[in-house]
Amino acid sequence: MMPSSGSPGANQPPRLPESAQARFRIDIPSPARTWNYWLGGKDNYEVDRVVGDSTAKVNPELTTLARESRKFLIRVVRHLAAQEGVRNFLDIGAGLPTESNTHQIAQGTAPESRVVYVDNDPMVLSHARALMRGTTPEGVTDYLDADYHEPRQILEEAANVLNFTQPVAVMFMGVLGFCQDYETAKRIVAETVEGVPPGSFLVLWDCTDTSEDAVRSTENYAKSGALPYILRSVEQIGAFFGGLEKVEPGLVSITRWRPDPDQGEGPEHVHGYGAVARKS
């Protein structure tokens, strides 16, 4: 685990499972660690902070977008648990834990909720034990070291924890931009949704190509040696929900999805679009 300060350094690498050690690099930026930096977290390295600052200089909205995406997650999970009766959550590409993680929101709303996180970033693996601590005696929280390019494997392993006789919330929160091929990304979503029962939900958002600053910043980010992030059109993001029934208000900028005054004032619009949709 990381030192209690949560601030890793080049001489203090996290203790990782053997399977993840070869994947751990501090000489190139990590998407999970850079996002953690934009969220105001401390689980990142100098290389992540350098590229985070240079990218945000080109696109100042990034830190706002990161924080608004967390607010979107909170609203969505709370809605699904409280209003739709969902008790099973599959959070694919979970990233590093911060405040108000999926299991905390779900189990805080419905104590018996079961949550499975999926990621293959080594730094996230170093926090797996912390992630797996449920917040209620009734709830279950688990973690899979897996790649979203293998949805069948994810579904098979998640079925050991989640109840697939009940609706499952499948969540892709800002991560499909790291899938370089759009058709592959659509296949990943379709196969994952196909594997969950009727009445399940797809929750998905991604950054869009609707901002010149966003386009320039992703080009800058790719030059850092990090895994490139592919911006997609609003229409392309909408196509991920093909065959599903969108919950109101449909596909919108994530700040406009059922805003909650209790979360404080925020921007009316960011260049990240998402939706929640039900499988018939």
C-alpha atoms as a PDB file:
ATOM      1  CA  MET A   1       0.000   0.000   0.000  1.00  0.00           C
ATOM      2  CA  MET A   2       0.995   3.619  -0.392  1.00  0.00           C
ATOM      3  CA  PRO A   3       2.518   5.593   2.488  1.00  0.00           C
ATOM      4  CA  SER A   4      -0.105   7.117   4.754  1.00  0.00           C
ATOM      5  CA  SER A   5       0.542  10.555   3.293  1.00  0.00           C
ATOM      6  CA  GLY A   6      -0.765   9.295  -0.053  1.00  0.00           C
ATOM      7  CA  SER A   7       2.073  11.124  -1.839  1.00  0.00           C
ATOM      8  CA  PRO A   8       4.233   8.645  -3.753  1.00  0.00           C
ATOM      9  CA  GLY A   9       7.742   9.482  -4.771  1.00  0.00           C
ATOM     10  CA  ALA A  10      10.272   8.040  -7.172  1.00  0.00           C
ATOM     11  CA  ASN A  11      11.971   6.214  -4.312  1.00  0.00           C
ATOM     12  CA  GLN A  12       8.736   4.946  -2.797  1.00  0.00           C
ATOM     13  CA  PRO A  13       6.962   2.811  -5.386  1.00  0.00           C
ATOM     14  CA  PRO A  14       3.777   1.114  -4.232  1.00  0.00           C
ATOM     15  CA  ARG A  15       3.848  -2.534  -3.259  1.00  0.00           C
ATOM     16  CA  LEU A  16       2.104  -4.306  -6.106  1.00  0.00           C
ATOM     17  CA  PRO A  17       0.897  -7.803  -6.863  1.00  0.00           C
ATOM     18  CA  GLU A  18       3.520  -9.653  -8.876  1.00  0.00           C
ATOM     19  CA  SER A  19       1.254  -9.660 -11.934  1.00  0.00           C
ATOM     20  CA  ALA A  20       1.231  -5.841 -11.967  1.00  0.00           C
ATOM     21  CA  GLN A  21       4.868  -5.038 -11.212  1.00  0.00           C
ATOM     22  CA  ALA A  22       5.979  -5.119 -14.863  1.00  0.00           C
ATOM     23  CA  ARG A  23       3.231  -2.653 -15.763  1.00  0.00           C
ATOM     24  CA  PHE A  24       4.209  -0.037 -13.200  1.00  0.00           C
ATOM     25  CA  ARG A  25       6.057   2.936 -14.734  1.00  0.00           C
ATOM     26  CA  ILE A  26       6.928   6.316 -13.301  1.00  0.00           C
ATOM     27  CA  ASP A  27       8.753   7.537 -16.407  1.00  0.00           C
ATOM     28  CA  ILE A  28       5.559   7.949 -18.450  1.00  0.00           C
ATOM     29  CA  PRO A  29       2.268   9.500 -17.351  1.00  0.00           C
ATOM     30  CA  SER A  30      -0.531   7.259 -16.172  1.00  0.00           C
ATOM     31  CA  PRO A  31      -4.108   8.207 -17.115  1.00  0.00           C
ATOM     32  CA  ALA A  32      -5.397   7.157 -13.693  1.00  0.00           C
ATOM     33  CA  ARG A  33      -2.729   9.124 -11.835  1.00  0.00           C
ATOM     34  CA  THR A  34      -3.108  12.222 -14.034  1.00  0.00           C
ATOM     35  CA  TRP A  35      -6.876  12.169 -13.536  1.00  0.00           C
ATOM     36  CA  ASN A  36      -6.265  11.803  -9.796  1.00  0.00           C
ATOM     37  CA  TYR A  37      -4.098  14.924  -9.969  1.00  0.00           C
ATOM     38  CA  TRP A  38      -6.819  16.896 -11.755  1.00  0.00           C
ATOM     39  CA  LEU A  39      -9.260  15.764  -9.074  1.00  0.00           C
ATOM     40  CA  GLY A  40      -6.963  17.210  -6.432  1.00  0.00           C
ATOM     41  CA  GLY A  41      -5.674  13.849  -5.221  1.00  0.00           C
ATOM     42  CA  LYS A  42      -2.166  12.972  -4.067  1.00  0.00           C
ATOM     43  CA  ASP A  43      -1.690   9.567  -5.661  1.00  0.00           C
ATOM     44  CA  ASN A  44       0.436  10.740  -8.570  1.00  0.00           C
ATOM     45  CA  TYR A  45       4.056  11.296  -9.570  1.00  0.00           C
ATOM     46  CA  GLU A  46       5.977  14.224 -10.954  1.00  0.00           C
ATOM     47  CA  VAL A  47       5.591  12.971 -14.513  1.00  0.00           C
ATOM     48  CA  ASP A  48       1.797  12.957 -14.061  1.00  0.00           C
ATOM     49  CA  ARG A  49       1.765  16.432 -12.565  1.00  0.00           C
ATOM     50  CA  VAL A  50       3.954  17.852 -15.334  1.00  0.00           C
ATOM     51  CA  VAL A  51       1.737  16.528 -18.124  1.00  0.00           C
ATOM     52  CA  GLY A  52      -1.363  17.361 -16.087  1.00  0.00           C
ATOM     53  CA  ASP A  53      -0.293  20.986 -15.782  1.00  0.00           C
ATOM     54  CA  SER A  54       0.798  21.339 -19.406  1.00  0.00           C
ATOM     55  CA  THR A  55      -2.418  19.758 -20.691  1.00  0.00           C
ATOM     56  CA  ALA A  56      -4.626  21.833 -18.404  1.00  0.00           C
ATOM     57  CA  LYS A  57      -2.778  24.966 -19.519  1.00  0.00           C
ATOM     58  CA  VAL A  58      -4.005  24.274 -23.043  1.00  0.00           C
ATOM     59  CA  ASN A  59      -7.483  23.274 -21.830  1.00  0.00           C
ATOM     60  CA  PRO A  60      -8.261  24.936 -18.483  1.00  0.00           C
ATOM     61  CA  GLU A  61     -11.617  23.145 -18.313  1.00  0.00           C
ATOM     62  CA  LEU A  62      -9.943  19.817 -17.506  1.00  0.00           C
ATOM     63  CA  THR A  63      -9.834  20.192 -13.741  1.00  0.00           C
ATOM     64  CA  THR A  64     -13.435  21.396 -13.743  1.00  0.00           C
ATOM     65  CA  LEU A  65     -14.440  18.503 -15.988  1.00  0.00           C
ATOM     66  CA  ALA A  66     -12.772  16.009 -13.660  1.00  0.00           C
ATOM     67  CA  ARG A  67     -14.650  17.342 -10.645  1.00  0.00           C
ATOM     68  CA  GLU A  68     -17.947  17.609 -12.485  1.00  0.00           C
ATOM     69  CA  SER A  69     -17.572  14.002 -13.625  1.00  0.00           C
ATOM     70  CA  ARG A  70     -17.372  12.939  -9.990  1.00  0.00           C
ATOM     71  CA  LYS A  71     -20.543  14.879  -9.224  1.00  0.00           C
ATOM     72  CA  PHE A  72     -22.206  13.144 -12.182  1.00  0.00           C
ATOM     73  CA  LEU A  73     -21.174   9.754 -10.794  1.00  0.00           C
ATOM     74  CA  ILE A  74     -22.637  10.616  -7.403  1.00  0.00           C
ATOM     75  CA  ARG A  75     -25.964  11.716  -8.875  1.00  0.00           C
ATOM     76  CA  VAL A  76     -26.218   8.709 -11.170  1.00  0.00           C
ATOM     77  CA  VAL A  77     -25.368   6.064  -8.582  1.00  0.00           C
ATOM     78  CA  ARG A  78     -27.689   7.639  -6.023  1.00  0.00           C
ATOM     79  CA  HIS A  79     -30.514   7.765  -8.583  1.00  0.00           C
ATOM     80  CA  LEU A  80     -30.041   4.147  -9.617  1.00  0.00           C
ATOM     81  CA  ALA A  81     -29.901   2.893  -6.041  1.00  0.00           C
ATOM     82  CA  ALA A  82     -32.701   5.058  -4.664  1.00  0.00           C
ATOM     83  CA  GLN A  83     -35.096   5.424  -7.595  1.00  0.00           C
ATOM     84  CA  GLU A  84     -34.441   2.396  -9.803  1.00  0.00           C
ATOM     85  CA  GLY A  85     -33.746  -0.213  -7.133  1.00  0.00           C
ATOM     86  CA  VAL A  86     -30.348  -1.218  -8.537  1.00  0.00           C
ATOM     87  CA  ARG A  87     -28.211  -3.177  -6.083  1.00  0.00           C
ATOM     88  CA  ASN A  88     -25.407  -4.377  -8.399  1.00  0.00           C
ATOM     89  CA  PHE A  89     -22.806  -2.010  -9.849  1.00  0.00           C
ATOM     90  CA  LEU A  90     -20.028  -2.901 -12.303  1.00  0.00           C
ATOM     91  CA  ASP A  91     -17.657   0.090 -12.503  1.00  0.00           C
ATOM     92  CA  ILE A  92     -15.297  -0.577 -15.435  1.00  0.00           C
ATOM     93  CA  GLY A  93     -12.177   1.576 -15.566  1.00  0.00           C
ATOM     94  CA  ALA A  94     -12.672   2.663 -11.987  1.00  0.00           C
ATOM     95  CA  GLY A  95      -9.437   4.607 -11.547  1.00  0.00           C
ATOM     96  CA  LEU A  96      -7.877   5.615  -8.262  1.00  0.00           C
ATOM     97  CA  PRO A  97     -10.121   5.973  -5.216  1.00  0.00           C
ATOM     98  CA  THR A  98     -10.886   9.503  -4.129  1.00  0.00           C
ATOM     99  CA  GLU A  99     -13.876  10.832  -2.222  1.00  0.00           C
ATOM    100  CA  SER A 100     -17.412   9.588  -2.890  1.00  0.00           C
ATOM    101  CA  ASN A 101     -16.518   6.393  -4.728  1.00  0.00           C
ATOM    102  CA  THR A 102     -19.184   4.210  -6.301  1.00  0.00           C
ATOM    103  CA  HIS A 103     -19.412   1.745  -3.419  1.00  0.00           C
ATOM    104  CA  GLN A 104     -19.677   4.517  -0.849  1.00  0.00           C
ATOM    105  CA  ILE A 105     -22.557   6.186  -2.679  1.00  0.00           C
ATOM    106  CA  ALA A 106     -24.362   2.934  -3.509  1.00  0.00           C
ATOM    107  CA  GLN A 107     -24.027   1.403  -0.057  1.00  0.00           C
ATOM    108  CA  GLY A 108     -24.764   4.704   1.623  1.00  0.00           C
ATOM    109  CA  THR A 109     -28.073   4.735  -0.265  1.00  0.00           C
ATOM    110  CA  ALA A 110     -28.831   0.991  -0.234  1.00  0.00           C
ATOM    111  CA  PRO A 111     -26.639  -0.803   2.347  1.00  0.00           C
ATOM    112  CA  GLU A 112     -26.930  -4.198   0.633  1.00  0.00           C
ATOM    113  CA  SER A 113     -25.453  -2.971  -2.656  1.00  0.00           C
ATOM    114  CA  ARG A 114     -22.748  -5.026  -4.343  1.00  0.00           C
ATOM    115  CA  VAL A 115     -20.015  -3.225  -6.260  1.00  0.00           C
ATOM    116  CA  VAL A 116     -17.271  -4.626  -8.483  1.00  0.00           C
ATOM    117  CA  TYR A 117     -14.518  -2.312  -9.697  1.00  0.00           C
ATOM    118  CA  VAL A 118     -12.526  -3.196 -12.819  1.00  0.00           C
ATOM    119  CA  ASP A 119      -9.170  -1.702 -13.778  1.00  0.00           C
ATOM    120  CA  ASN A 120      -5.720  -2.799 -14.903  1.00  0.00           C
ATOM    121  CA  ASP A 121      -3.649   0.217 -13.874  1.00  0.00           C
ATOM    122  CA  PRO A 122      -0.917  -0.890 -11.434  1.00  0.00           C
ATOM    123  CA  MET A 123      -1.357   2.108  -9.147  1.00  0.00           C
ATOM    124  CA  VAL A 124      -5.043   1.301  -8.849  1.00  0.00           C
ATOM    125  CA  LEU A 125      -4.064  -2.247  -7.950  1.00  0.00           C
ATOM    126  CA  SER A 126      -1.974  -0.892  -5.102  1.00  0.00           C
ATOM    127  CA  HIS A 127      -5.188   0.512  -3.625  1.00  0.00           C
ATOM    128  CA  ALA A 128      -7.285  -2.593  -4.230  1.00  0.00           C
ATOM    129  CA  ARG A 129      -7.495  -3.559  -0.579  1.00  0.00           C
ATOM    130  CA  ALA A 130      -8.740  -0.118   0.355  1.00  0.00           C
ATOM    131  CA  LEU A 131     -11.284  -0.233  -2.455  1.00  0.00           C
ATOM    132  CA  MET A 132     -12.591  -3.602  -1.307  1.00  0.00           C
ATOM    133  CA  ARG A 133     -13.596  -2.323   2.113  1.00  0.00           C
ATOM    134  CA  GLY A 134     -17.351  -2.083   2.019  1.00  0.00           C
ATOM    135  CA  THR A 135     -19.031   0.682   3.927  1.00  0.00           C
ATOM    136  CA  THR A 136     -21.825  -1.452   5.376  1.00  0.00           C
ATOM    137  CA  PRO A 137     -21.989  -4.970   6.877  1.00  0.00           C
ATOM    138  CA  GLU A 138     -24.598  -5.967   4.288  1.00  0.00           C
ATOM    139  CA  GLY A 139     -22.756  -4.698   1.225  1.00  0.00           C
ATOM    140  CA  VAL A 140     -19.992  -6.308  -0.800  1.00  0.00           C
ATOM    141  CA  THR A 141     -17.163  -4.512  -2.606  1.00  0.00           C
ATOM    142  CA  ASP A 142     -14.633  -6.304  -4.807  1.00  0.00           C
ATOM    143  CA  TYR A 143     -12.006  -5.520  -7.435  1.00  0.00           C
ATOM    144  CA  LEU A 144     -10.957  -7.197 -10.674  1.00  0.00           C
ATOM    145  CA  ASP A 145      -7.594  -6.773 -12.371  1.00  0.00           C
ATOM    146  CA  ALA A 146      -8.880  -6.902 -15.932  1.00  0.00           C
ATOM    147  CA  ASP A 147      -8.888  -5.070 -19.260  1.00  0.00           C
ATOM    148  CA  TYR A 148     -12.183  -3.778 -20.655  1.00  0.00           C
ATOM    149  CA  HIS A 149     -11.193  -5.193 -24.045  1.00  0.00           C
ATOM    150  CA  GLU A 150     -12.168  -8.581 -22.553  1.00  0.00           C
ATOM    151  CA  PRO A 151     -15.829  -8.101 -21.548  1.00  0.00           C
ATOM    152  CA  ARG A 152     -16.611 -11.810 -21.338  1.00  0.00           C
ATOM    153  CA  GLN A 153     -13.837 -12.335 -18.796  1.00  0.00           C
ATOM    154  CA  ILE A 154     -15.077  -9.368 -16.782  1.00  0.00           C
ATOM    155  CA  LEU A 155     -18.639 -10.644 -16.775  1.00  0.00           C
ATOM    156  CA  GLU A 156     -17.609 -14.159 -15.768  1.00  0.00           C
ATOM    157  CA  GLU A 157     -15.529 -12.930 -12.847  1.00  0.00           C
ATOM    158  CA  ALA A 158     -18.009 -10.255 -11.784  1.00  0.00           C
ATOM    159  CA  ALA A 159     -20.730 -12.913 -11.585  1.00  0.00           C
ATOM    160  CA  ASN A 160     -18.898 -14.343  -8.567  1.00  0.00           C
ATOM    161  CA  VAL A 161     -19.868 -11.205  -6.649  1.00  0.00           C
ATOM    162  CA  LEU A 162     -22.802  -9.544  -8.405  1.00  0.00           C
ATOM    163  CA  ASN A 163     -26.275 -11.068  -8.599  1.00  0.00           C
ATOM    164  CA  PHE A 164     -26.898 -11.460 -12.314  1.00  0.00           C
ATOM    165  CA  THR A 165     -30.510 -12.461 -11.716  1.00  0.00           C
ATOM    166  CA  GLN A 166     -31.120  -8.804 -10.845  1.00  0.00           C
ATOM    167  CA  PRO A 167     -30.417  -5.562 -12.752  1.00  0.00           C
ATOM    168  CA  VAL A 168     -26.789  -4.466 -12.976  1.00  0.00           C
ATOM    169  CA  ALA A 169     -25.519  -0.942 -13.559  1.00  0.00           C
ATOM    170  CA  VAL A 170     -22.665  -1.139 -16.086  1.00  0.00           C
ATOM    171  CA  MET A 171     -20.509   1.972 -15.788  1.00  0.00           C
ATOM    172  CA  PHE A 172     -17.930   3.364 -18.246  1.00  0.00           C
ATOM    173  CA  MET A 173     -17.031   6.715 -16.729  1.00  0.00           C
ATOM    174  CA  GLY A 174     -14.806   8.728 -19.066  1.00  0.00           C
ATOM    175  CA  VAL A 175     -12.626   5.760 -20.031  1.00  0.00           C
ATOM    176  CA  LEU A 176     -13.626   4.660 -23.535  1.00  0.00           C
ATOM    177  CA  GLY A 177     -11.574   7.464 -25.065  1.00  0.00           C
ATOM    178  CA  PHE A 178      -8.557   5.295 -24.268  1.00  0.00           C
ATOM    179  CA  CYS A 179      -9.878   2.677 -26.680  1.00  0.00           C
ATOM    180  CA  GLN A 180      -8.213   3.780 -29.898  1.00  0.00           C
ATOM    181  CA  ASP A 181     -10.692   2.219 -32.319  1.00  0.00           C
ATOM    182  CA  TYR A 182     -14.310   3.386 -32.213  1.00  0.00           C
ATOM    183  CA  GLU A 183     -15.790   0.146 -33.536  1.00  0.00           C
ATOM    184  CA  THR A 184     -13.888  -1.764 -30.871  1.00  0.00           C
ATOM    185  CA  ALA A 185     -15.242   0.580 -28.204  1.00  0.00           C
ATOM    186  CA  LYS A 186     -18.788  -0.030 -29.448  1.00  0.00           C
ATOM    187  CA  ARG A 187     -18.184  -3.790 -29.353  1.00  0.00           C
ATOM    188  CA  ILE A 188     -16.917  -3.592 -25.774  1.00  0.00           C
ATOM    189  CA  VAL A 189     -20.024  -1.739 -24.639  1.00  0.00           C
ATOM    190  CA  ALA A 190     -22.424  -3.940 -26.602  1.00  0.00           C
ATOM    191  CA  GLU A 191     -20.929  -7.215 -25.367  1.00  0.00           C
ATOM    192  CA  THR A 192     -20.885  -6.025 -21.781  1.00  0.00           C
ATOM    193  CA  VAL A 193     -24.493  -4.858 -21.877  1.00  0.00           C
ATOM    194  CA  GLU A 194     -25.509  -8.058 -23.655  1.00  0.00           C
ATOM    195  CA  GLY A 195     -24.167 -10.038 -20.701  1.00  0.00           C
ATOM    196  CA  VAL A 196     -26.319  -8.384 -18.022  1.00  0.00           C
ATOM    197  CA  PRO A 197     -30.022  -9.104 -17.427  1.00  0.00           C
ATOM    198  CA  PRO A 198     -33.022  -7.117 -18.680  1.00  0.00           C
ATOM    199  CA  GLY A 199     -33.730  -4.104 -16.502  1.00  0.00           C
ATOM    200  CA  SER A 200     -30.014  -3.342 -16.240  1.00  0.00           C
ATOM    201  CA  PHE A 201     -28.580   0.095 -16.974  1.00  0.00           C
ATOM    202  CA  LEU A 202     -25.688   1.479 -18.987  1.00  0.00           C
ATOM    203  CA  VAL A 203     -24.030   4.551 -17.491  1.00  0.00           C
ATOM    204  CA  LEU A 204     -21.478   6.144 -19.791  1.00  0.00           C
ATOM    205  CA  TRP A 205     -19.819   9.472 -20.389  1.00  0.00           C
ATOM    206  CA  ASP A 206     -16.780  10.574 -22.367  1.00  0.00           C
ATOM    207  CA  CYS A 207     -14.999  13.737 -23.410  1.00  0.00           C
ATOM    208  CA  THR A 208     -16.153  15.224 -26.704  1.00  0.00           C
ATOM    209  CA  ASP A 209     -14.526  16.948 -29.652  1.00  0.00           C
ATOM    210  CA  THR A 210     -16.791  19.965 -29.184  1.00  0.00           C
ATOM    211  CA  SER A 211     -13.998  22.238 -27.947  1.00  0.00           C
ATOM    212  CA  GLU A 212     -10.920  23.427 -29.826  1.00  0.00           C
ATOM    213  CA  ASP A 213      -9.051  23.588 -26.506  1.00  0.00           C
ATOM    214  CA  ALA A 214      -9.958  19.960 -25.827  1.00  0.00           C
ATOM    215  CA  VAL A 215      -8.678  18.896 -29.244  1.00  0.00           C
ATOM    216  CA  ARG A 216      -5.378  20.713 -28.742  1.00  0.00           C
ATOM    217  CA  SER A 217      -4.934  19.400 -25.205  1.00  0.00           C
ATOM    218  CA  THR A 218      -5.438  15.774 -26.214  1.00  0.00           C
ATOM    219  CA  GLU A 219      -2.804  16.218 -28.907  1.00  0.00           C
ATOM    220  CA  ASN A 220      -0.478  17.644 -26.264  1.00  0.00           C
ATOM    221  CA  TYR A 221      -1.276  14.759 -23.915  1.00  0.00           C
ATOM    222  CA  ALA A 222      -0.471  12.157 -26.576  1.00  0.00           C
ATOM    223  CA  LYS A 223       2.969  13.719 -27.162  1.00  0.00           C
ATOM    224  CA  SER A 224       3.866  13.017 -23.526  1.00  0.00           C
ATOM    225  CA  GLY A 225       4.112   9.300 -24.226  1.00  0.00           C
ATOM    226  CA  ALA A 226       0.920   8.527 -22.335  1.00  0.00           C
ATOM    227  CA  LEU A 227      -1.810   6.377 -23.819  1.00  0.00           C
ATOM    228  CA  PRO A 228      -3.648   8.755 -26.204  1.00  0.00           C
ATOM    229  CA  TYR A 229      -7.214   9.764 -25.443  1.00  0.00           C
ATOM    230  CA  ILE A 230      -9.536   9.859 -28.452  1.00  0.00           C
ATOM    231  CA  LEU A 231     -12.170  12.576 -28.392  1.00  0.00           C
ATOM    232  CA  ARG A 232     -15.439  11.575 -30.010  1.00  0.00           C
ATOM    233  CA  SER A 233     -18.472  13.424 -31.270  1.00  0.00           C
ATOM    234  CA  VAL A 234     -21.679  13.679 -29.294  1.00  0.00           C
ATOM    235  CA  GLU A 235     -23.286  11.497 -31.961  1.00  0.00           C
ATOM    236  CA  GLN A 236     -20.643   8.800 -31.533  1.00  0.00           C
ATOM    237  CA  ILE A 237     -21.178   8.763 -27.781  1.00  0.00           C
ATOM    238  CA  GLY A 238     -24.913   8.553 -28.353  1.00  0.00           C
ATOM    239  CA  ALA A 239     -24.412   5.463 -30.508  1.00  0.00           C
ATOM    240  CA  PHE A 240     -23.050   3.561 -27.503  1.00  0.00           C
ATOM    241  CA  PHE A 241     -26.635   3.552 -26.202  1.00  0.00           C
ATOM    242  CA  GLY A 242     -28.115   1.952 -29.317  1.00  0.00           C
ATOM    243  CA  GLY A 243     -31.131  -0.238 -28.534  1.00  0.00           C
ATOM    244  CA  LEU A 244     -31.432   1.101 -24.977  1.00  0.00           C
ATOM    245  CA  GLU A 245     -34.019   3.422 -23.439  1.00  0.00           C
ATOM    246  CA  LYS A 246     -32.393   6.592 -22.164  1.00  0.00           C
ATOM    247  CA  VAL A 247     -33.474   7.922 -18.792  1.00  0.00           C
ATOM    248  CA  GLU A 248     -34.451  11.598 -18.825  1.00  0.00           C
ATOM    249  CA  PRO A 249     -32.851  13.990 -19.699  1.00  0.00           C
ATOM    250  CA  GLY A 250     -31.087  11.713 -22.198  1.00  0.00           C
ATOM    251  CA  LEU A 251     -27.637  12.405 -23.615  1.00  0.00           C
ATOM    252  CA  VAL A 252     -26.435  15.760 -22.296  1.00  0.00           C
ATOM    253  CA  SER A 253     -23.389  17.537 -20.971  1.00  0.00           C
ATOM    254  CA  ILE A 254     -22.781  15.767 -17.673  1.00  0.00           C
ATOM    255  CA  THR A 255     -23.443  18.953 -15.705  1.00  0.00           C
ATOM    256  CA  ARG A 256     -27.003  18.950 -17.076  1.00  0.00           C
ATOM    257  CA  TRP A 257     -27.878  15.414 -16.021  1.00  0.00           C
ATOM    258  CA  ARG A 258     -30.281  16.005 -13.128  1.00  0.00           C
ATOM    259  CA  PRO A 259     -28.199  18.704 -11.418  1.00  0.00           C
ATOM    260  CA  ASP A 260     -28.358  18.723  -7.623  1.00  0.00           C
ATOM    261  CA  PRO A 261     -28.338  22.114  -5.865  1.00  0.00           C
ATOM    262  CA  ASP A 262     -26.787  20.421  -2.820  1.00  0.00           C
ATOM    263  CA  GLN A 263     -23.604  19.879  -4.842  1.00  0.00           C
ATOM    264  CA  GLY A 264     -23.086  23.614  -5.082  1.00  0.00           C
ATOM    265  CA  GLU A 265     -22.863  25.843  -8.097  1.00  0.00           C
ATOM    266  CA  GLY A 266     -20.968  24.612 -11.122  1.00  0.00           C
ATOM    267  CA  PRO A 267     -20.671  25.354 -14.823  1.00  0.00           C
ATOM    268  CA  GLU A 268     -23.779  24.978 -16.918  1.00  0.00           C
ATOM    269  CA  HIS A 269     -21.872  23.028 -19.556  1.00  0.00           C
ATOM    270  CA  VAL A 270     -18.652  21.036 -19.944  1.00  0.00           C
ATOM    271  CA  HIS A 271     -17.292  19.177 -22.965  1.00  0.00           C
ATOM    272  CA  GLY A 272     -18.108  15.778 -21.574  1.00  0.00           C
ATOM    273  CA  TYR A 273     -21.394  14.108 -22.525  1.00  0.00           C
ATOM    274  CA  GLY A 274     -23.138  11.173 -20.928  1.00  0.00           C
ATOM    275  CA  ALA A 275     -26.385   9.383 -20.268  1.00  0.00           C
ATOM    276  CA  VAL A 276     -28.066   6.610 -18.355  1.00  0.00           C
ATOM    277  CA  ALA A 277     -30.067   4.050 -20.317  1.00  0.00           C
ATOM    278  CA  ARG A 278     -32.151   0.978 -19.480  1.00  0.00           C
ATOM    279  CA  LYS A 279     -31.912  -2.403 -21.158  1.00  0.00           C
ATOM    280  CA  SER A 280     -35.334  -3.855 -22.025  1.00  0.00           C
END
